[in-house]
C-alpha atoms as a PDB file:
ATOM      1  CA  MET A   1    -112.082 102.185  45.094  1.00  0.00           C
ATOM      2  CA  ALA A   2    -114.599 102.622  42.983  1.00  0.00           C
ATOM      3  CA  ARG A   3    -116.448 104.938  45.626  1.00  0.00           C
ATOM      4  CA  LEU A   4    -113.008 107.583  45.502  1.00  0.00           C
ATOM      5  CA  ARG A   5    -113.156 107.529  41.576  1.00  0.00           C
ATOM      6  CA  TRP A   6    -116.797 108.283  41.780  1.00  0.00           C
ATOM      7  CA  LEU A   7    -116.108 111.073  44.240  1.00  0.00           C
ATOM      8  CA  ILE A   8    -113.473 112.876  42.237  1.00  0.00           C
ATOM      9  CA  MET A   9    -115.488 112.450  39.133  1.00  0.00           C
ATOM     10  CA  ALA A  10    -118.628 114.341  41.251  1.00  0.00           C
ATOM     11  CA  VAL A  11    -115.956 116.894  42.458  1.00  0.00           C
ATOM     12  CA  ALA A  12    -114.678 117.611  38.805  1.00  0.00           C
ATOM     13  CA  VAL A  13    -118.043 118.076  37.284  1.00  0.00           C
ATOM     14  CA  LEU A  14    -119.371 120.040  40.186  1.00  0.00           C
ATOM     15  CA  LEU A  15    -115.945 122.390  39.667  1.00  0.00           C
ATOM     16  CA  VAL A  16    -116.709 122.640  36.178  1.00  0.00           C
ATOM     17  CA  ALA A  17    -120.407 123.849  36.435  1.00  0.00           C
ATOM     18  CA  LEU A  18    -119.670 126.316  39.254  1.00  0.00           C
ATOM     19  CA  ALA A  19    -116.721 127.805  36.580  1.00  0.00           C
ATOM     20  CA  GLY A  20    -119.311 127.813  33.671  1.00  0.00           C
ATOM     21  CA  TYR A  21    -121.937 129.324  35.901  1.00  0.00           C
ATOM     22  CA  LYS A  22    -119.557 132.296  37.195  1.00  0.00           C
ATOM     23  CA  LEU A  23    -118.716 132.862  33.583  1.00  0.00           C
ATOM     24  CA  ALA A  24    -122.272 132.914  32.634  1.00  0.00           C
ATOM     25  CA  VAL A  25    -123.191 135.570  35.294  1.00  0.00           C
ATOM     26  CA  GLY A  26    -120.152 137.571  34.533  1.00  0.00           C
ATOM     27  CA  GLY A  27    -118.597 138.012  37.743  1.00  0.00           C
ATOM     28  CA  ARG A  28    -116.211 136.441  40.585  1.00  0.00           C
ATOM     29  CA  GLY A  29    -118.650 134.388  42.704  1.00  0.00           C
ATOM     30  CA  GLY A  30    -121.788 135.146  41.113  1.00  0.00           C
ATOM     31  CA  GLU A  31    -121.571 138.725  41.164  1.00  0.00           C
ATOM     32  CA  ILE A  32    -122.127 141.370  38.325  1.00  0.00           C
ATOM     33  CA  GLU A  33    -119.224 143.680  37.401  1.00  0.00           C
ATOM     34  CA  ARG A  34    -120.378 147.286  38.455  1.00  0.00           C
ATOM     35  CA  LEU A  35    -118.698 150.024  36.104  1.00  0.00           C
ATOM     36  CA  ALA A  36    -117.391 153.338  37.402  1.00  0.00           C
ATOM     37  CA  GLU A  37    -120.278 155.707  37.791  1.00  0.00           C
ATOM     38  CA  ARG A  38    -120.773 159.314  37.072  1.00  0.00           C
ATOM     39  CA  GLN A  39    -123.731 161.786  36.618  1.00  0.00           C
ATOM     40  CA  LEU A  40    -125.023 162.455  33.175  1.00  0.00           C
ATOM     41  CA  PHE A  41    -127.570 164.994  32.349  1.00  0.00           C
ATOM     42  CA  VAL A  42    -130.533 164.867  29.082  1.00  0.00           C
ATOM     43  CA  THR A  43    -132.015 168.260  28.489  1.00  0.00           C
ATOM     44  CA  THR A  44    -135.131 168.929  26.845  1.00  0.00           C
ATOM     45  CA  PRO A  45    -136.666 172.205  25.738  1.00  0.00           C
ATOM     46  CA  ASP A  46    -138.564 172.380  29.238  1.00  0.00           C
ATOM     47  CA  LYS A  47    -136.303 170.674  31.499  1.00  0.00           C
ATOM     48  CA  THR A  48    -132.803 168.684  32.542  1.00  0.00           C
ATOM     49  CA  TYR A  49    -133.033 165.271  33.793  1.00  0.00           C
ATOM     50  CA  ALA A  50    -130.248 163.827  35.943  1.00  0.00           C
ATOM     51  CA  LEU A  51    -129.110 160.601  35.824  1.00  0.00           C
ATOM     52  CA  THR A  52    -126.511 158.395  37.405  1.00  0.00           C
ATOM     53  CA  VAL A  53    -124.758 156.167  34.667  1.00  0.00           C
ATOM     54  CA  GLU A  54    -122.334 153.235  34.538  1.00  0.00           C
ATOM     55  CA  VAL A  55    -119.619 153.955  31.836  1.00  0.00           C
ATOM     56  CA  ALA A  56    -118.952 151.532  29.565  1.00  0.00           C
ATOM     57  CA  ALA A  57    -115.572 152.798  28.125  1.00  0.00           C
ATOM     58  CA  THR A  58    -113.430 149.766  27.289  1.00  0.00           C
ATOM     59  CA  PRO A  59    -114.554 147.192  24.065  1.00  0.00           C
ATOM     60  CA  GLU A  60    -115.043 144.780  27.263  1.00  0.00           C
ATOM     61  CA  GLN A  61    -117.051 146.780  29.192  1.00  0.00           C
ATOM     62  CA  GLN A  62    -119.019 147.846  26.039  1.00  0.00           C
ATOM     63  CA  GLU A  63    -119.562 144.129  24.662  1.00  0.00           C
ATOM     64  CA  ARG A  64    -121.163 143.145  28.157  1.00  0.00           C
ATOM     65  CA  GLY A  65    -123.328 146.101  28.481  1.00  0.00           C
ATOM     66  CA  LEU A  66    -125.836 145.271  30.919  1.00  0.00           C
ATOM     67  CA  MET A  67    -126.005 141.410  30.263  1.00  0.00           C
ATOM     68  CA  PHE A  68    -127.509 139.284  32.973  1.00  0.00           C
ATOM     69  CA  ARG A  69    -128.602 142.388  34.807  1.00  0.00           C
ATOM     70  CA  LYS A  70    -132.155 141.631  36.736  1.00  0.00           C
ATOM     71  CA  HIS A  71    -133.389 144.879  37.158  1.00  0.00           C
ATOM     72  CA  MET A  72    -132.110 148.918  36.889  1.00  0.00           C
ATOM     73  CA  ALA A  73    -133.011 151.852  39.031  1.00  0.00           C
ATOM     74  CA  GLU A  74    -135.357 154.193  37.531  1.00  0.00           C
ATOM     75  CA  ASN A  75    -133.068 157.142  37.075  1.00  0.00           C
ATOM     76  CA  HIS A  76    -129.789 155.012  36.352  1.00  0.00           C
ATOM     77  CA  GLY A  77    -128.251 153.841  33.094  1.00  0.00           C
ATOM     78  CA  MET A  78    -125.315 152.957  31.209  1.00  0.00           C
ATOM     79  CA  VAL A  79    -123.370 154.889  28.671  1.00  0.00           C
ATOM     80  CA  PHE A  80    -121.333 153.785  26.175  1.00  0.00           C
ATOM     81  CA  LEU A  81    -118.425 156.361  24.720  1.00  0.00           C
ATOM     82  CA  PHE A  82    -116.888 155.195  21.438  1.00  0.00           C
ATOM     83  CA  PRO A  83    -113.263 156.866  20.493  1.00  0.00           C
ATOM     84  CA  LYS A  84    -114.766 157.420  16.791  1.00  0.00           C
ATOM     85  CA  ALA A  85    -118.361 158.003  15.126  1.00  0.00           C
ATOM     86  CA  SER A  86    -119.834 154.314  14.687  1.00  0.00           C
ATOM     87  CA  ASP A  87    -123.046 153.245  12.906  1.00  0.00           C
ATOM     88  CA  GLY A  88    -122.932 149.848  14.604  1.00  0.00           C
ATOM     89  CA  GLY A  89    -125.875 148.068  16.318  1.00  0.00           C
ATOM     90  CA  PHE A  90    -126.140 147.145  20.156  1.00  0.00           C
ATOM     91  CA  TRP A  91    -127.050 143.156  20.854  1.00  0.00           C
ATOM     92  CA  MET A  92    -129.466 142.282  23.518  1.00  0.00           C
ATOM     93  CA  LYS A  93    -128.115 138.875  24.052  1.00  0.00           C
ATOM     94  CA  ASN A  94    -128.111 137.645  27.679  1.00  0.00           C
ATOM     95  CA  THR A  95    -129.981 141.324  28.515  1.00  0.00           C
ATOM     96  CA  LYS A  96    -132.974 140.333  30.640  1.00  0.00           C
ATOM     97  CA  ILE A  97    -134.336 144.039  31.092  1.00  0.00           C
ATOM     98  CA  PRO A  98    -136.227 146.033  28.293  1.00  0.00           C
ATOM     99  CA  LEU A  99    -134.254 149.183  27.215  1.00  0.00           C
ATOM    100  CA  SER A 100    -134.764 152.646  25.650  1.00  0.00           C
ATOM    101  CA  ILE A 101    -131.508 153.650  24.160  1.00  0.00           C
ATOM    102  CA  ALA A 102    -130.721 157.259  22.855  1.00  0.00           C
ATOM    103  CA  PHE A 103    -127.363 157.535  20.264  1.00  0.00           C
ATOM    104  CA  PHE A 104    -125.794 160.774  20.336  1.00  0.00           C
ATOM    105  CA  ASP A 105    -123.327 162.671  18.424  1.00  0.00           C
ATOM    106  CA  LYS A 106    -120.224 164.322  19.044  1.00  0.00           C
ATOM    107  CA  LYS A 107    -122.314 167.561  20.078  1.00  0.00           C
ATOM    108  CA  GLY A 108    -124.489 165.589  22.517  1.00  0.00           C
ATOM    109  CA  VAL A 109    -127.459 165.768  20.255  1.00  0.00           C
ATOM    110  CA  ILE A 110    -129.879 162.735  20.456  1.00  0.00           C
ATOM    111  CA  VAL A 111    -129.551 161.569  16.648  1.00  0.00           C
ATOM    112  CA  ARG A 112    -131.821 158.267  17.543  1.00  0.00           C
ATOM    113  CA  ILE A 113    -134.002 156.770  20.265  1.00  0.00           C
ATOM    114  CA  MET A 114    -134.754 153.149  19.978  1.00  0.00           C
ATOM    115  CA  GLN A 115    -136.730 150.703  21.987  1.00  0.00           C
ATOM    116  CA  MET A 116    -135.084 147.198  22.759  1.00  0.00           C
ATOM    117  CA  GLN A 117    -136.863 144.022  24.075  1.00  0.00           C
ATOM    118  CA  PRO A 118    -134.899 141.319  26.179  1.00  0.00           C
ATOM    119  CA  CYS A 119    -133.261 138.441  24.481  1.00  0.00           C
ATOM    120  CA  THR A 120    -132.439 135.188  26.553  1.00  0.00           C
ATOM    121  CA  LEU A 121    -132.391 132.157  24.284  1.00  0.00           C
ATOM    122  CA  PRO A 122    -130.721 129.410  25.358  1.00  0.00           C
ATOM    123  CA  GLN A 123    -127.180 128.790  25.107  1.00  0.00           C
ATOM    124  CA  GLY A 124    -126.598 127.888  21.047  1.00  0.00           C
ATOM    125  CA  GLN A 125    -129.538 129.994  20.000  1.00  0.00           C
ATOM    126  CA  SER A 126    -128.458 133.355  21.235  1.00  0.00           C
ATOM    127  CA  GLU A 127    -126.916 134.115  17.900  1.00  0.00           C
ATOM    128  CA  ARG A 128    -130.456 134.562  16.795  1.00  0.00           C
ATOM    129  CA  CYS A 129    -131.023 137.760  19.174  1.00  0.00           C
ATOM    130  CA  PRO A 130    -131.873 141.120  17.173  1.00  0.00           C
ATOM    131  CA  VAL A 131    -129.670 143.347  16.658  1.00  0.00           C
ATOM    132  CA  TYR A 132    -130.857 147.049  16.845  1.00  0.00           C
ATOM    133  CA  TYR A 133    -129.083 149.251  14.384  1.00  0.00           C
ATOM    134  CA  PRO A 134    -129.802 153.299  14.583  1.00  0.00           C
ATOM    135  CA  ARG A 135    -129.210 153.876  11.011  1.00  0.00           C
ATOM    136  CA  VAL A 136    -127.094 156.669  11.919  1.00  0.00           C
ATOM    137  CA  ALA A 137    -123.953 157.670  13.301  1.00  0.00           C
ATOM    138  CA  TYR A 138    -123.074 158.280  16.755  1.00  0.00           C
ATOM    139  CA  ILE A 139    -120.295 158.746  19.234  1.00  0.00           C
ATOM    140  CA  GLY A 140    -122.092 157.411  22.474  1.00  0.00           C
ATOM    141  CA  ALA A 141    -125.488 155.734  23.532  1.00  0.00           C
ATOM    142  CA  LEU A 142    -127.212 155.885  26.451  1.00  0.00           C
ATOM    143  CA  GLU A 143    -129.406 152.796  28.285  1.00  0.00           C
ATOM    144  CA  VAL A 144    -131.950 153.242  30.581  1.00  0.00           C
ATOM    145  CA  ASN A 145    -135.019 151.544  31.544  1.00  0.00           C
ATOM    146  CA  LEU A 146    -137.813 150.924  28.464  1.00  0.00           C
ATOM    147  CA  GLY A 147    -139.852 154.178  28.186  1.00  0.00           C
ATOM    148  CA  TRP A 148    -137.369 156.822  30.034  1.00  0.00           C
ATOM    149  CA  PHE A 149    -137.440 158.828  27.350  1.00  0.00           C
ATOM    150  CA  ALA A 150    -140.838 158.451  26.491  1.00  0.00           C
ATOM    151  CA  LYS A 151    -141.963 159.571  30.164  1.00  0.00           C
ATOM    152  CA  ARG A 152    -140.125 162.543  30.182  1.00  0.00           C
ATOM    153  CA  GLY A 153    -141.009 163.850  26.800  1.00  0.00           C
ATOM    154  CA  VAL A 154    -136.997 163.005  25.250  1.00  0.00           C
ATOM    155  CA  LYS A 155    -136.973 163.300  21.793  1.00  0.00           C
ATOM    156  CA  GLU A 156    -134.405 163.218  18.978  1.00  0.00           C
ATOM    157  CA  GLY A 157    -132.741 166.347  18.847  1.00  0.00           C
ATOM    158  CA  ASP A 158    -132.533 167.033  22.555  1.00  0.00           C
ATOM    159  CA  SER A 159    -129.095 166.640  24.213  1.00  0.00           C
ATOM    160  CA  ILE A 160    -127.217 164.593  26.475  1.00  0.00           C
ATOM    161  CA  SER A 161    -124.469 166.428  28.737  1.00  0.00           C
ATOM    162  CA  LEU A 162    -121.522 164.298  30.527  1.00  0.00           C
ATOM    163  CA  GLY A 163    -120.275 167.574  32.216  1.00  0.00           C
ATOM    164  CA  PRO A 164    -116.996 167.682  33.588  1.00  0.00           C
ATOM    165  CA  TRP A 165    -115.323 164.559  34.377  1.00  0.00           C
ATOM    166  CA  LYS A 166    -114.145 164.118  38.073  1.00  0.00           C
END
């Protein structure tokens, strides 16, 4: 009887641990949820660059962003689109990859570019992760691998175009 009780307790603890792990990594079976993808274009005075981006359109998708991702392909990113202008910050909680972010206005003009470092503080301390405030109003934000904009000479005043939605 004691062995059966011990076995039931061990299985219960294991199930709770697995459920917590699934929540922590953000998906069913430990998979990261992939969002709808589309092409996006970043234009400088000299060149236009195409990127494949995941679209974070809902508040839940925007809150999760690139959390728990271990890597991102070179010409990939995530775009955040908001229904009205915001000046809110971006939090790097549970984000494992360093990112560059370009905030853009309703005309697609880049109004601020920032560099953001990963923050993977342990549970209970993640509230101390920095928030990156652009200090300008924006309607969208594009996150890419750290240094992507600098390598291509993309600067504030350049533009982002979503092109036609399919």
